[in-house]
Every structure is written in C-alpha cells, then in structure tokens.
Amino acid sequence: MGELPPDSCWVLTDGAAGNRRQALALAEALTPSIREIVVGLRPPWSWFAPRALPGARFALGRDQETLLPPWPKLAIGCGRQAAWATRHIRRWSGGACLAVQILDPRIDPKHWDLVVAPRHDGLRGDNVLTPLGSLNPIDDAWLADGRDAFAHFALFPEPRLGVLVGGARHGSAFDVQASEAFLAAVRARHAREGGSVLVAVSRRTPAAILPRIREAFAGVPGVVWTGSADGPNPYPGILGWADRLVVTPDSVNMLSEACATGRPVLTKPTRPLPEKLARFHAELRAAGLLHDVDADTPEAQPPLRETATIAAEVRKHLGLP
C-alpha cells in the first residue's frame, strides 16, 4: 500500500497523554510522515472550542505560526482544542487538508471530513466511525517490545496479575472508599491465586491514594510503580507480561489497552458508573472482554485491536493512497 507524501500528516492535541496516544496511533497506522503539534488556545476561544468565534487567528497567541501553510494532506486531532484546530485548518486550506477528529466533538460532525468516536458516545453519521474502544498502538510487536524492555519481570512468580490504577474523571471523583474496595479486591484475588502483582498508576491517580497503594502491596512479589521516583514507567512491561489484568473502572483508554493484550481483563465498579462509561462497560462485557475481579476467567480472550481497521476505513472514506 502506498504511503502519504512526506510531511503530509499533522497530529494535533492539547498534549494530554490519552489524547496524544490515540491520535498518534491512528497517524502511525497511516503514514510515517508525521508532525506533532500541541494546541493551546487562549480564552475565550478555549472556553467554547471547537465552536467558531470571530478572530480565530488570535486564538493561538504567539503560537499562531504553528498553524500556517503549507498545509498537510491530513490533519488528525484528539480533544476539544484539537477539534477547534482541525476544523479551522480544513476551512483555511479550502478543503485541501482532510480533517479527522477523534472523540465526539460535541457539535455537528459535518465540520470535519471524518470523526472517530467510540460507540458508547452515541454519535452517528455518514462521516462517523465508531470503534468499541479507544485507539491505541498495541499489537504483538508492541507487547514483545514491552517484554524486552522489562525482561526481569519474567523472574516474578506466575500468575502475574497486572494492576492499572486510573483516577478522577470529569464529573466523577476517584474517592478513598472506591480505591480501598478496589485494592481489597485485588489483594483477595492474589491471595486466592498466588503469584505476583505488577502495579502502575496513571497521571490522574490522586497523590493522597499513592501511599495506600504502596501499603496494600507491601511484601507481595512484584513491582509497584507510583511515579518517576520508582524508575521508568513499567506500563508496557505490565501489559506484555501480565497473565491477567485488573483495571479501575474509570479509564476507557486503560481498559481498551488491557483488552488489546488478549489477556483476561477484570474490574471492580463500586458505585453506579456515568452513563457513557456504563455503556462502554456493558459493551465490553457483552463481547466477553471484561469480567468481575473475582470471576473465573479463561487463560486468554480475543484481543480488542481496532486501530488498523479504523485506519483502513479512514483510507477508504477519504480516498487516501
């Protein structure tokens, strides 16, 4: 399959790790010729993004030179501020730059050539693609690289239980009671099965909970990573080496990436989930990809890997080479 021309794809995000990961995963599945741009809008444009306000060229302040021609063939954005940028680049280029927006932009998708929004967002349209989970780069080669980078994890006793801890979501706090119930459930699973525990937190994990996480797994074989002071982030190694993965229920990205490994994925909701997140959980469970933390599980399950399929659909819809 032919490649897009050099410097033909801009990847635009607000710099948030989850948004970067999705946009870059899709871009890298389409072309190696990528320029990454962090979009930082000034008020009032940032308040209303991606809606258009007068004086759009002033929205970027001193960074306005980052969004100037020559325009790329393709712009891929993820997040509200990036949606503002991809929408305007499409217009400024007179349609010469094809605009793809990841996640529901919360306004009519007609402002983009293509929108990629997870199924649980409920967005529909002729130019909307709806994967089950979030886009990510995880495949067999990615997992092998993770095992190589953290080869010493092979020394930890089996079964290796990977534990991924998220944090607060917009409109949904990550409270102490929920974290205590989650940690107790993980400890109970380990007590039942033995083996080792491989734990990593996210940038969203509240600092107040970190000592409790370290305390919960003190003396348990494995590794507990709560930040850079503990060394390199072992997230790729955990996904590569875990026999099973337990994920807090808050993170669509971490749940999607855990499901991409082909290993059983477990969770522990402790209270009703927000509507969209509840739909996502229900869809994963219906597909046999998500289980309760205390459930008996098979040794493996079909991996949820949608990025290559979505990339092929993007090529088809946009007529890319």
C-alpha atoms as a PDB file:
ATOM      1  CA  MET A   1       0.000   0.000   0.000  1.00  0.00           C
ATOM      2  CA  GLY A   2       1.354   3.414  -0.932  1.00  0.00           C
ATOM      3  CA  GLU A   3       2.392   5.966   1.654  1.00  0.00           C
ATOM      4  CA  LEU A   4       1.213   9.520   2.031  1.00  0.00           C
ATOM      5  CA  PRO A   5       3.747  12.124   0.847  1.00  0.00           C
ATOM      6  CA  PRO A   6       6.421  13.423   3.289  1.00  0.00           C
ATOM      7  CA  ASP A   7       5.243  15.886   5.981  1.00  0.00           C
ATOM      8  CA  SER A   8       1.690  15.082   4.987  1.00  0.00           C
ATOM      9  CA  CYS A   9       0.100  14.426   8.383  1.00  0.00           C
ATOM     10  CA  TRP A  10      -0.247  16.803  11.324  1.00  0.00           C
ATOM     11  CA  VAL A  11      -1.210  15.322  14.691  1.00  0.00           C
ATOM     12  CA  LEU A  12      -2.891  17.915  16.912  1.00  0.00           C
ATOM     13  CA  THR A  13      -3.730  17.516  20.613  1.00  0.00           C
ATOM     14  CA  ASP A  14      -3.752  19.512  23.831  1.00  0.00           C
ATOM     15  CA  GLY A  15      -0.738  17.484  24.975  1.00  0.00           C
ATOM     16  CA  ALA A  16      -2.749  15.200  27.283  1.00  0.00           C
ATOM     17  CA  ALA A  17      -1.266  11.700  27.263  1.00  0.00           C
ATOM     18  CA  GLY A  18      -4.512   9.904  26.408  1.00  0.00           C
ATOM     19  CA  ASN A  19      -5.291  12.229  23.505  1.00  0.00           C
ATOM     20  CA  ARG A  20      -1.738  12.021  22.138  1.00  0.00           C
ATOM     21  CA  ARG A  21      -1.801   8.238  22.320  1.00  0.00           C
ATOM     22  CA  GLN A  22      -4.977   7.917  20.267  1.00  0.00           C
ATOM     23  CA  ALA A  23      -4.077  10.498  17.621  1.00  0.00           C
ATOM     24  CA  LEU A  24      -0.542   9.179  17.168  1.00  0.00           C
ATOM     25  CA  ALA A  25      -1.754   5.565  16.990  1.00  0.00           C
ATOM     26  CA  LEU A  26      -4.046   6.402  14.083  1.00  0.00           C
ATOM     27  CA  ALA A  27      -1.481   8.598  12.340  1.00  0.00           C
ATOM     28  CA  GLU A  28       1.264   5.979  12.621  1.00  0.00           C
ATOM     29  CA  ALA A  29      -1.086   3.385  11.134  1.00  0.00           C
ATOM     30  CA  LEU A  30      -1.457   5.661   8.090  1.00  0.00           C
ATOM     31  CA  THR A  31       1.985   7.192   7.469  1.00  0.00           C
ATOM     32  CA  PRO A  32       5.476   7.640   8.978  1.00  0.00           C
ATOM     33  CA  SER A  33       5.445  11.312   7.883  1.00  0.00           C
ATOM     34  CA  ILE A  34       4.055  12.988  10.983  1.00  0.00           C
ATOM     35  CA  ARG A  35       4.405  16.421  12.555  1.00  0.00           C
ATOM     36  CA  GLU A  36       3.063  16.665  16.105  1.00  0.00           C
ATOM     37  CA  ILE A  37       1.595  19.984  17.276  1.00  0.00           C
ATOM     38  CA  VAL A  38       0.299  20.884  20.747  1.00  0.00           C
ATOM     39  CA  VAL A  39      -2.629  23.295  20.536  1.00  0.00           C
ATOM     40  CA  GLY A  40      -3.065  25.771  23.371  1.00  0.00           C
ATOM     41  CA  LEU A  41      -5.956  28.164  22.821  1.00  0.00           C
ATOM     42  CA  ARG A  42      -6.390  31.462  24.616  1.00  0.00           C
ATOM     43  CA  PRO A  43      -9.672  32.479  26.256  1.00  0.00           C
ATOM     44  CA  PRO A  44     -12.379  32.962  25.145  1.00  0.00           C
ATOM     45  CA  TRP A  45     -11.726  30.547  22.261  1.00  0.00           C
ATOM     46  CA  SER A  46     -10.630  27.811  24.693  1.00  0.00           C
ATOM     47  CA  TRP A  47     -13.919  28.127  26.579  1.00  0.00           C
ATOM     48  CA  PHE A  48     -16.073  27.427  23.546  1.00  0.00           C
ATOM     49  CA  ALA A  49     -13.858  25.087  21.475  1.00  0.00           C
ATOM     50  CA  PRO A  50     -14.476  23.608  18.979  1.00  0.00           C
ATOM     51  CA  ARG A  51     -17.159  26.185  18.265  1.00  0.00           C
ATOM     52  CA  ALA A  52     -16.047  29.014  15.982  1.00  0.00           C
ATOM     53  CA  LEU A  53     -15.742  32.539  17.363  1.00  0.00           C
ATOM     54  CA  PRO A  54     -14.664  35.687  15.480  1.00  0.00           C
ATOM     55  CA  GLY A  55     -10.923  36.387  15.300  1.00  0.00           C
ATOM     56  CA  ALA A  56      -9.845  32.760  15.177  1.00  0.00           C
ATOM     57  CA  ARG A  57      -6.308  33.704  14.147  1.00  0.00           C
ATOM     58  CA  PHE A  58      -5.818  35.400  17.511  1.00  0.00           C
ATOM     59  CA  ALA A  59      -6.821  32.292  19.451  1.00  0.00           C
ATOM     60  CA  LEU A  60      -3.303  30.846  19.347  1.00  0.00           C
ATOM     61  CA  GLY A  61      -1.448  33.948  20.525  1.00  0.00           C
ATOM     62  CA  ARG A  62       2.278  33.649  19.949  1.00  0.00           C
ATOM     63  CA  ASP A  63       1.826  30.083  18.701  1.00  0.00           C
ATOM     64  CA  GLN A  64      -0.213  31.083  15.656  1.00  0.00           C
ATOM     65  CA  GLU A  65       2.737  30.382  13.354  1.00  0.00           C
ATOM     66  CA  THR A  66       2.335  26.667  14.140  1.00  0.00           C
ATOM     67  CA  LEU A  67      -0.862  26.585  12.055  1.00  0.00           C
ATOM     68  CA  LEU A  68       0.222  28.165   8.809  1.00  0.00           C
ATOM     69  CA  PRO A  69       0.600  26.806   5.257  1.00  0.00           C
ATOM     70  CA  PRO A  70       1.907  24.821   3.528  1.00  0.00           C
ATOM     71  CA  TRP A  71      -0.970  22.657   4.670  1.00  0.00           C
ATOM     72  CA  PRO A  72      -0.602  18.906   5.124  1.00  0.00           C
ATOM     73  CA  LYS A  73      -2.674  16.379   3.236  1.00  0.00           C
ATOM     74  CA  LEU A  74      -4.189  15.152   6.511  1.00  0.00           C
ATOM     75  CA  ALA A  75      -4.777  16.596   9.994  1.00  0.00           C
ATOM     76  CA  ILE A  76      -5.683  14.260  12.872  1.00  0.00           C
ATOM     77  CA  GLY A  77      -6.859  15.751  16.149  1.00  0.00           C
ATOM     78  CA  CYS A  78      -7.992  14.407  19.516  1.00  0.00           C
ATOM     79  CA  GLY A  79      -9.658  16.505  22.184  1.00  0.00           C
ATOM     80  CA  ARG A  80     -11.682  19.746  22.149  1.00  0.00           C
ATOM     81  CA  GLN A  81      -8.846  22.182  21.454  1.00  0.00           C
ATOM     82  CA  ALA A  82      -7.524  19.965  18.689  1.00  0.00           C
ATOM     83  CA  ALA A  83     -11.056  19.788  17.257  1.00  0.00           C
ATOM     84  CA  TRP A  84     -11.006  23.593  17.003  1.00  0.00           C
ATOM     85  CA  ALA A  85      -7.700  23.369  15.117  1.00  0.00           C
ATOM     86  CA  THR A  86      -8.661  20.579  12.712  1.00  0.00           C
ATOM     87  CA  ARG A  87     -11.937  22.339  11.938  1.00  0.00           C
ATOM     88  CA  HIS A  88     -10.198  25.616  11.123  1.00  0.00           C
ATOM     89  CA  ILE A  89      -7.327  24.042   9.173  1.00  0.00           C
ATOM     90  CA  ARG A  90      -9.889  22.347   6.946  1.00  0.00           C
ATOM     91  CA  ARG A  91     -11.545  25.701   6.302  1.00  0.00           C
ATOM     92  CA  TRP A  92      -8.329  27.737   5.974  1.00  0.00           C
ATOM     93  CA  SER A  93      -6.932  25.238   3.465  1.00  0.00           C
ATOM     94  CA  GLY A  94     -10.074  25.401   1.342  1.00  0.00           C
ATOM     95  CA  GLY A  95     -10.600  21.697   1.888  1.00  0.00           C
ATOM     96  CA  ALA A  96      -7.118  20.744   0.628  1.00  0.00           C
ATOM     97  CA  CYS A  97      -6.314  19.369   4.096  1.00  0.00           C
ATOM     98  CA  LEU A  98      -8.530  16.471   5.134  1.00  0.00           C
ATOM     99  CA  ALA A  99      -9.561  16.735   8.788  1.00  0.00           C
ATOM    100  CA  VAL A 100     -10.061  13.691  11.021  1.00  0.00           C
ATOM    101  CA  GLN A 101     -11.223  14.249  14.586  1.00  0.00           C
ATOM    102  CA  ILE A 102     -11.021  11.585  17.298  1.00  0.00           C
ATOM    103  CA  LEU A 103     -13.662  11.662  20.092  1.00  0.00           C
ATOM    104  CA  ASP A 104     -17.067  13.268  19.912  1.00  0.00           C
ATOM    105  CA  PRO A 105     -16.527  16.994  19.189  1.00  0.00           C
ATOM    106  CA  ARG A 106     -19.946  17.772  20.745  1.00  0.00           C
ATOM    107  CA  ILE A 107     -21.068  19.664  17.637  1.00  0.00           C
ATOM    108  CA  ASP A 108     -22.193  18.560  14.185  1.00  0.00           C
ATOM    109  CA  PRO A 109     -19.579  16.214  12.635  1.00  0.00           C
ATOM    110  CA  LYS A 110     -20.104  17.941   9.268  1.00  0.00           C
ATOM    111  CA  HIS A 111     -17.283  20.338  10.213  1.00  0.00           C
ATOM    112  CA  TRP A 112     -14.776  17.502   9.691  1.00  0.00           C
ATOM    113  CA  ASP A 113     -14.171  15.079   6.865  1.00  0.00           C
ATOM    114  CA  LEU A 114     -14.305  12.179   9.306  1.00  0.00           C
ATOM    115  CA  VAL A 115     -14.969  11.769  13.034  1.00  0.00           C
ATOM    116  CA  VAL A 116     -13.828   8.702  15.001  1.00  0.00           C
ATOM    117  CA  ALA A 117     -15.918   8.422  18.163  1.00  0.00           C
ATOM    118  CA  PRO A 118     -16.230   5.372  20.421  1.00  0.00           C
ATOM    119  CA  ARG A 119     -19.531   3.553  20.165  1.00  0.00           C
ATOM    120  CA  HIS A 120     -20.644   4.467  23.679  1.00  0.00           C
ATOM    121  CA  ASP A 121     -20.607   8.192  22.750  1.00  0.00           C
ATOM    122  CA  GLY A 122     -23.715   7.532  20.656  1.00  0.00           C
ATOM    123  CA  LEU A 123     -22.572   9.743  17.768  1.00  0.00           C
ATOM    124  CA  ARG A 124     -23.831   8.662  14.350  1.00  0.00           C
ATOM    125  CA  GLY A 125     -23.420   9.989  10.816  1.00  0.00           C
ATOM    126  CA  ASP A 126     -22.225   9.166   7.309  1.00  0.00           C
ATOM    127  CA  ASN A 127     -18.764  10.505   8.190  1.00  0.00           C
ATOM    128  CA  VAL A 128     -18.557   8.916  11.670  1.00  0.00           C
ATOM    129  CA  LEU A 129     -16.594   5.746  12.512  1.00  0.00           C
ATOM    130  CA  THR A 130     -17.463   4.032  15.804  1.00  0.00           C
ATOM    131  CA  PRO A 131     -14.881   1.648  17.314  1.00  0.00           C
ATOM    132  CA  LEU A 132     -15.798  -0.174  20.516  1.00  0.00           C
ATOM    133  CA  GLY A 133     -12.854   1.207  22.494  1.00  0.00           C
ATOM    134  CA  SER A 134     -10.161   3.845  22.208  1.00  0.00           C
ATOM    135  CA  LEU A 135      -7.451   3.718  19.550  1.00  0.00           C
ATOM    136  CA  ASN A 136      -4.008   2.567  20.641  1.00  0.00           C
ATOM    137  CA  PRO A 137      -0.777   1.149  19.189  1.00  0.00           C
ATOM    138  CA  ILE A 138      -0.904  -2.216  20.956  1.00  0.00           C
ATOM    139  CA  ASP A 139      -0.237  -5.309  18.841  1.00  0.00           C
ATOM    140  CA  ASP A 140       2.014  -8.364  19.164  1.00  0.00           C
ATOM    141  CA  ALA A 141       5.156  -6.405  18.275  1.00  0.00           C
ATOM    142  CA  TRP A 142       4.328  -3.668  20.813  1.00  0.00           C
ATOM    143  CA  LEU A 143       3.814  -6.265  23.548  1.00  0.00           C
ATOM    144  CA  ALA A 144       7.061  -8.024  22.624  1.00  0.00           C
ATOM    145  CA  ASP A 145       8.906  -4.699  22.920  1.00  0.00           C
ATOM    146  CA  GLY A 146       7.350  -4.224  26.372  1.00  0.00           C
ATOM    147  CA  ARG A 147       8.553  -7.661  27.480  1.00  0.00           C
ATOM    148  CA  ASP A 148      12.044  -6.942  26.168  1.00  0.00           C
ATOM    149  CA  ALA A 149      12.199  -3.569  27.943  1.00  0.00           C
ATOM    150  CA  PHE A 150      11.193  -5.172  31.255  1.00  0.00           C
ATOM    151  CA  ALA A 151      12.711  -8.626  30.796  1.00  0.00           C
ATOM    152  CA  HIS A 152      13.294  -9.005  34.554  1.00  0.00           C
ATOM    153  CA  PHE A 153       9.515  -9.291  35.045  1.00  0.00           C
ATOM    154  CA  ALA A 154       9.918 -12.882  33.828  1.00  0.00           C
ATOM    155  CA  LEU A 155      11.512 -13.618  37.219  1.00  0.00           C
ATOM    156  CA  PHE A 156       8.341 -12.750  39.134  1.00  0.00           C
ATOM    157  CA  PRO A 157       6.224 -15.808  40.051  1.00  0.00           C
ATOM    158  CA  GLU A 158       3.220 -16.729  37.935  1.00  0.00           C
ATOM    159  CA  PRO A 159       0.421 -15.937  37.564  1.00  0.00           C
ATOM    160  CA  ARG A 160       1.358 -12.290  37.134  1.00  0.00           C
ATOM    161  CA  LEU A 161      -1.556 -10.015  37.946  1.00  0.00           C
ATOM    162  CA  GLY A 162      -1.267  -6.632  36.229  1.00  0.00           C
ATOM    163  CA  VAL A 163      -2.981  -3.798  38.097  1.00  0.00           C
ATOM    164  CA  LEU A 164      -3.708  -0.478  36.339  1.00  0.00           C
ATOM    165  CA  VAL A 165      -4.954   2.375  38.519  1.00  0.00           C
ATOM    166  CA  GLY A 166      -6.638   5.405  36.968  1.00  0.00           C
ATOM    167  CA  GLY A 167      -8.143   8.374  38.730  1.00  0.00           C
ATOM    168  CA  ALA A 168     -10.735  11.108  38.661  1.00  0.00           C
ATOM    169  CA  ARG A 169     -12.777  11.695  35.517  1.00  0.00           C
ATOM    170  CA  HIS A 170     -14.577  14.867  34.533  1.00  0.00           C
ATOM    171  CA  GLY A 171     -17.625  14.958  36.771  1.00  0.00           C
ATOM    172  CA  SER A 172     -16.631  11.797  38.677  1.00  0.00           C
ATOM    173  CA  ALA A 173     -14.228  11.833  41.626  1.00  0.00           C
ATOM    174  CA  PHE A 174     -11.873   8.982  42.493  1.00  0.00           C
ATOM    175  CA  ASP A 175     -12.579   8.644  46.204  1.00  0.00           C
ATOM    176  CA  VAL A 176     -10.840   6.834  49.013  1.00  0.00           C
ATOM    177  CA  GLN A 177     -13.693   4.410  49.603  1.00  0.00           C
ATOM    178  CA  ALA A 178     -13.678   3.276  45.967  1.00  0.00           C
ATOM    179  CA  SER A 179      -9.899   2.868  45.941  1.00  0.00           C
ATOM    180  CA  GLU A 180      -9.972   0.848  49.173  1.00  0.00           C
ATOM    181  CA  ALA A 181     -12.591  -1.518  47.751  1.00  0.00           C
ATOM    182  CA  PHE A 182     -10.568  -1.921  44.548  1.00  0.00           C
ATOM    183  CA  LEU A 183      -7.314  -2.643  46.394  1.00  0.00           C
ATOM    184  CA  ALA A 184      -9.039  -5.117  48.725  1.00  0.00           C
ATOM    185  CA  ALA A 185     -10.471  -6.961  45.728  1.00  0.00           C
ATOM    186  CA  VAL A 186      -7.043  -7.174  44.077  1.00  0.00           C
ATOM    187  CA  ARG A 187      -5.461  -8.450  47.286  1.00  0.00           C
ATOM    188  CA  ALA A 188      -8.209 -11.081  47.587  1.00  0.00           C
ATOM    189  CA  ARG A 189      -7.561 -12.211  44.012  1.00  0.00           C
ATOM    190  CA  HIS A 190      -3.838 -12.516  44.723  1.00  0.00           C
ATOM    191  CA  ALA A 191      -4.474 -14.383  47.976  1.00  0.00           C
ATOM    192  CA  ARG A 192      -6.582 -16.888  46.055  1.00  0.00           C
ATOM    193  CA  GLU A 193      -4.193 -17.398  43.129  1.00  0.00           C
ATOM    194  CA  GLY A 194      -0.739 -16.550  44.452  1.00  0.00           C
ATOM    195  CA  GLY A 195       1.908 -15.389  42.016  1.00  0.00           C
ATOM    196  CA  SER A 196       2.953 -11.747  41.756  1.00  0.00           C
ATOM    197  CA  VAL A 197       1.403  -8.314  41.294  1.00  0.00           C
ATOM    198  CA  LEU A 198       2.570  -5.674  38.798  1.00  0.00           C
ATOM    199  CA  VAL A 199       1.051  -2.272  39.615  1.00  0.00           C
ATOM    200  CA  ALA A 200       1.169   1.064  37.784  1.00  0.00           C
ATOM    201  CA  VAL A 201      -0.780   4.256  38.452  1.00  0.00           C
ATOM    202  CA  SER A 202      -1.696   6.959  35.953  1.00  0.00           C
ATOM    203  CA  ARG A 203      -1.199  10.721  35.885  1.00  0.00           C
ATOM    204  CA  ARG A 204      -4.777  11.041  37.118  1.00  0.00           C
ATOM    205  CA  THR A 205      -4.288   8.956  40.258  1.00  0.00           C
ATOM    206  CA  PRO A 206      -4.710  11.254  43.300  1.00  0.00           C
ATOM    207  CA  ALA A 207      -1.476  11.738  45.235  1.00  0.00           C
ATOM    208  CA  ALA A 208      -3.292  11.069  48.515  1.00  0.00           C
ATOM    209  CA  ILE A 209      -4.001   7.485  47.437  1.00  0.00           C
ATOM    210  CA  LEU A 210      -0.430   6.572  46.446  1.00  0.00           C
ATOM    211  CA  PRO A 211       0.809   5.675  49.978  1.00  0.00           C
ATOM    212  CA  ARG A 212      -2.196   3.385  50.405  1.00  0.00           C
ATOM    213  CA  ILE A 213      -1.371   1.612  47.135  1.00  0.00           C
ATOM    214  CA  ARG A 214       2.215   1.035  48.252  1.00  0.00           C
ATOM    215  CA  GLU A 215       0.996  -0.197  51.645  1.00  0.00           C
ATOM    216  CA  ALA A 216      -1.586  -2.545  50.102  1.00  0.00           C
ATOM    217  CA  PHE A 217       1.082  -4.488  48.204  1.00  0.00           C
ATOM    218  CA  ALA A 218       3.961  -4.306  50.663  1.00  0.00           C
ATOM    219  CA  GLY A 219       5.599  -7.710  50.848  1.00  0.00           C
ATOM    220  CA  VAL A 220       3.816  -9.036  47.749  1.00  0.00           C
ATOM    221  CA  PRO A 221       6.151 -10.263  44.977  1.00  0.00           C
ATOM    222  CA  GLY A 222       6.222  -7.933  42.009  1.00  0.00           C
ATOM    223  CA  VAL A 223       6.521  -4.199  41.430  1.00  0.00           C
ATOM    224  CA  VAL A 224       4.530  -1.126  42.487  1.00  0.00           C
ATOM    225  CA  TRP A 225       5.092   1.998  40.385  1.00  0.00           C
ATOM    226  CA  THR A 226       3.631   5.237  41.732  1.00  0.00           C
ATOM    227  CA  GLY A 227       5.742   7.765  39.828  1.00  0.00           C
ATOM    228  CA  SER A 228       9.122   8.608  38.327  1.00  0.00           C
ATOM    229  CA  ALA A 229      10.850   8.185  41.692  1.00  0.00           C
ATOM    230  CA  ASP A 230      10.218   4.449  41.280  1.00  0.00           C
ATOM    231  CA  GLY A 231      12.111   4.335  37.958  1.00  0.00           C
ATOM    232  CA  PRO A 232      10.844   4.041  34.383  1.00  0.00           C
ATOM    233  CA  ASN A 233       7.107   3.605  33.945  1.00  0.00           C
ATOM    234  CA  PRO A 234       6.585  -0.181  33.633  1.00  0.00           C
ATOM    235  CA  TYR A 235       3.226   0.105  31.852  1.00  0.00           C
ATOM    236  CA  PRO A 236       4.454  -1.572  28.616  1.00  0.00           C
ATOM    237  CA  GLY A 237       6.069  -4.345  30.634  1.00  0.00           C
ATOM    238  CA  ILE A 238       2.936  -4.918  32.669  1.00  0.00           C
ATOM    239  CA  LEU A 239       0.787  -5.243  29.541  1.00  0.00           C
ATOM    240  CA  GLY A 240       3.405  -7.522  27.998  1.00  0.00           C
ATOM    241  CA  TRP A 241       3.935  -9.856  30.972  1.00  0.00           C
ATOM    242  CA  ALA A 242       0.608  -9.966  32.837  1.00  0.00           C
ATOM    243  CA  ASP A 243      -1.413 -13.178  32.750  1.00  0.00           C
ATOM    244  CA  ARG A 244      -4.481 -11.214  33.836  1.00  0.00           C
ATOM    245  CA  LEU A 245      -5.153  -7.504  34.202  1.00  0.00           C
ATOM    246  CA  VAL A 246      -7.256  -5.683  36.773  1.00  0.00           C
ATOM    247  CA  VAL A 247      -8.181  -2.119  35.761  1.00  0.00           C
ATOM    248  CA  THR A 248     -10.028   0.552  37.723  1.00  0.00           C
ATOM    249  CA  PRO A 249     -13.386   1.159  36.024  1.00  0.00           C
ATOM    250  CA  ASP A 250     -12.793   4.844  35.239  1.00  0.00           C
ATOM    251  CA  SER A 251     -10.416   4.702  32.255  1.00  0.00           C
ATOM    252  CA  VAL A 252     -11.673   3.933  28.742  1.00  0.00           C
ATOM    253  CA  ASN A 253      -8.089   4.115  27.449  1.00  0.00           C
ATOM    254  CA  MET A 254      -6.598   1.711  30.007  1.00  0.00           C
ATOM    255  CA  LEU A 255      -9.491  -0.731  29.665  1.00  0.00           C
ATOM    256  CA  SER A 256      -9.152  -0.648  25.858  1.00  0.00           C
ATOM    257  CA  GLU A 257      -5.397  -1.185  26.014  1.00  0.00           C
ATOM    258  CA  ALA A 258      -5.732  -4.004  28.533  1.00  0.00           C
ATOM    259  CA  CYS A 259      -8.284  -5.672  26.235  1.00  0.00           C
ATOM    260  CA  ALA A 260      -5.828  -5.303  23.332  1.00  0.00           C
ATOM    261  CA  THR A 261      -3.396  -7.711  25.029  1.00  0.00           C
ATOM    262  CA  GLY A 262      -5.629 -10.754  24.618  1.00  0.00           C
ATOM    263  CA  ARG A 263      -5.407 -11.470  28.345  1.00  0.00           C
ATOM    264  CA  PRO A 264      -8.478 -11.579  30.601  1.00  0.00           C
ATOM    265  CA  VAL A 265      -9.413  -8.105  31.874  1.00  0.00           C
ATOM    266  CA  LEU A 266     -11.096  -7.629  35.246  1.00  0.00           C
ATOM    267  CA  THR A 267     -12.568  -4.638  37.036  1.00  0.00           C
ATOM    268  CA  LYS A 268     -14.346  -3.633  40.252  1.00  0.00           C
ATOM    269  CA  PRO A 269     -17.065  -0.968  39.977  1.00  0.00           C
ATOM    270  CA  THR A 270     -18.031   0.156  43.478  1.00  0.00           C
ATOM    271  CA  ARG A 271     -20.866   2.512  42.546  1.00  0.00           C
ATOM    272  CA  PRO A 272     -23.026   3.359  39.504  1.00  0.00           C
ATOM    273  CA  LEU A 273     -20.925   4.493  36.556  1.00  0.00           C
ATOM    274  CA  PRO A 274     -21.617   7.611  34.452  1.00  0.00           C
ATOM    275  CA  GLU A 275     -23.987   6.804  31.585  1.00  0.00           C
ATOM    276  CA  LYS A 276     -21.463   6.689  28.729  1.00  0.00           C
ATOM    277  CA  LEU A 277     -18.904   4.777  30.775  1.00  0.00           C
ATOM    278  CA  ALA A 278     -21.594   2.309  31.846  1.00  0.00           C
ATOM    279  CA  ARG A 279     -22.446   1.698  28.178  1.00  0.00           C
ATOM    280  CA  PHE A 280     -18.779   1.045  27.428  1.00  0.00           C
ATOM    281  CA  HIS A 281     -18.515  -1.476  30.267  1.00  0.00           C
ATOM    282  CA  ALA A 282     -21.705  -3.184  29.101  1.00  0.00           C
ATOM    283  CA  GLU A 283     -20.386  -3.461  25.531  1.00  0.00           C
ATOM    284  CA  LEU A 284     -17.088  -4.962  26.723  1.00  0.00           C
ATOM    285  CA  ARG A 285     -18.920  -7.449  28.929  1.00  0.00           C
ATOM    286  CA  ALA A 286     -21.301  -8.398  26.112  1.00  0.00           C
ATOM    287  CA  ALA A 287     -18.265  -9.112  23.921  1.00  0.00           C
ATOM    288  CA  GLY A 288     -16.751 -11.312  26.638  1.00  0.00           C
ATOM    289  CA  LEU A 289     -13.834  -8.905  27.140  1.00  0.00           C
ATOM    290  CA  LEU A 290     -14.486  -7.635  30.687  1.00  0.00           C
ATOM    291  CA  HIS A 291     -15.144  -9.593  33.878  1.00  0.00           C
ATOM    292  CA  ASP A 292     -15.649  -9.050  37.583  1.00  0.00           C
ATOM    293  CA  VAL A 293     -12.425  -9.104  39.578  1.00  0.00           C
ATOM    294  CA  ASP A 294     -13.440 -12.250  41.459  1.00  0.00           C
ATOM    295  CA  ALA A 295     -14.708 -14.146  38.387  1.00  0.00           C
ATOM    296  CA  ASP A 296     -13.134 -17.288  36.986  1.00  0.00           C
ATOM    297  CA  THR A 297     -11.616 -16.432  33.617  1.00  0.00           C
ATOM    298  CA  PRO A 298     -10.060 -18.267  30.675  1.00  0.00           C
ATOM    299  CA  GLU A 299      -6.323 -18.075  30.106  1.00  0.00           C
ATOM    300  CA  ALA A 300      -6.827 -15.811  27.095  1.00  0.00           C
ATOM    301  CA  GLN A 301      -9.530 -13.955  25.202  1.00  0.00           C
ATOM    302  CA  PRO A 302      -9.750 -12.406  21.717  1.00  0.00           C
ATOM    303  CA  PRO A 303      -7.686  -9.190  21.648  1.00  0.00           C
ATOM    304  CA  LEU A 304      -9.537  -5.927  21.010  1.00  0.00           C
ATOM    305  CA  ARG A 305      -7.377  -4.306  18.309  1.00  0.00           C
ATOM    306  CA  GLU A 306      -9.243  -1.744  16.249  1.00  0.00           C
ATOM    307  CA  THR A 307      -6.637   0.787  15.135  1.00  0.00           C
ATOM    308  CA  ALA A 308      -5.630  -0.991  11.919  1.00  0.00           C
ATOM    309  CA  THR A 309      -9.277  -1.499  10.968  1.00  0.00           C
ATOM    310  CA  ILE A 310     -10.124   2.142  11.631  1.00  0.00           C
ATOM    311  CA  ALA A 311      -7.047   3.239   9.643  1.00  0.00           C
ATOM    312  CA  ALA A 312      -8.243   1.158   6.695  1.00  0.00           C
ATOM    313  CA  GLU A 313     -11.680   2.782   6.959  1.00  0.00           C
ATOM    314  CA  VAL A 314     -10.083   6.237   7.059  1.00  0.00           C
ATOM    315  CA  ARG A 315      -8.179   5.457   3.854  1.00  0.00           C
ATOM    316  CA  LYS A 316     -11.376   4.191   2.221  1.00  0.00           C
ATOM    317  CA  HIS A 317     -13.566   7.133   3.268  1.00  0.00           C
ATOM    318  CA  LEU A 318     -11.011   9.806   2.395  1.00  0.00           C
ATOM    319  CA  GLY A 319      -9.570   8.186  -0.729  1.00  0.00           C
ATOM    320  CA  LEU A 320      -6.034   8.125   0.677  1.00  0.00           C
ATOM    321  CA  PRO A 321      -3.371   6.132  -1.165  1.00  0.00           C
END
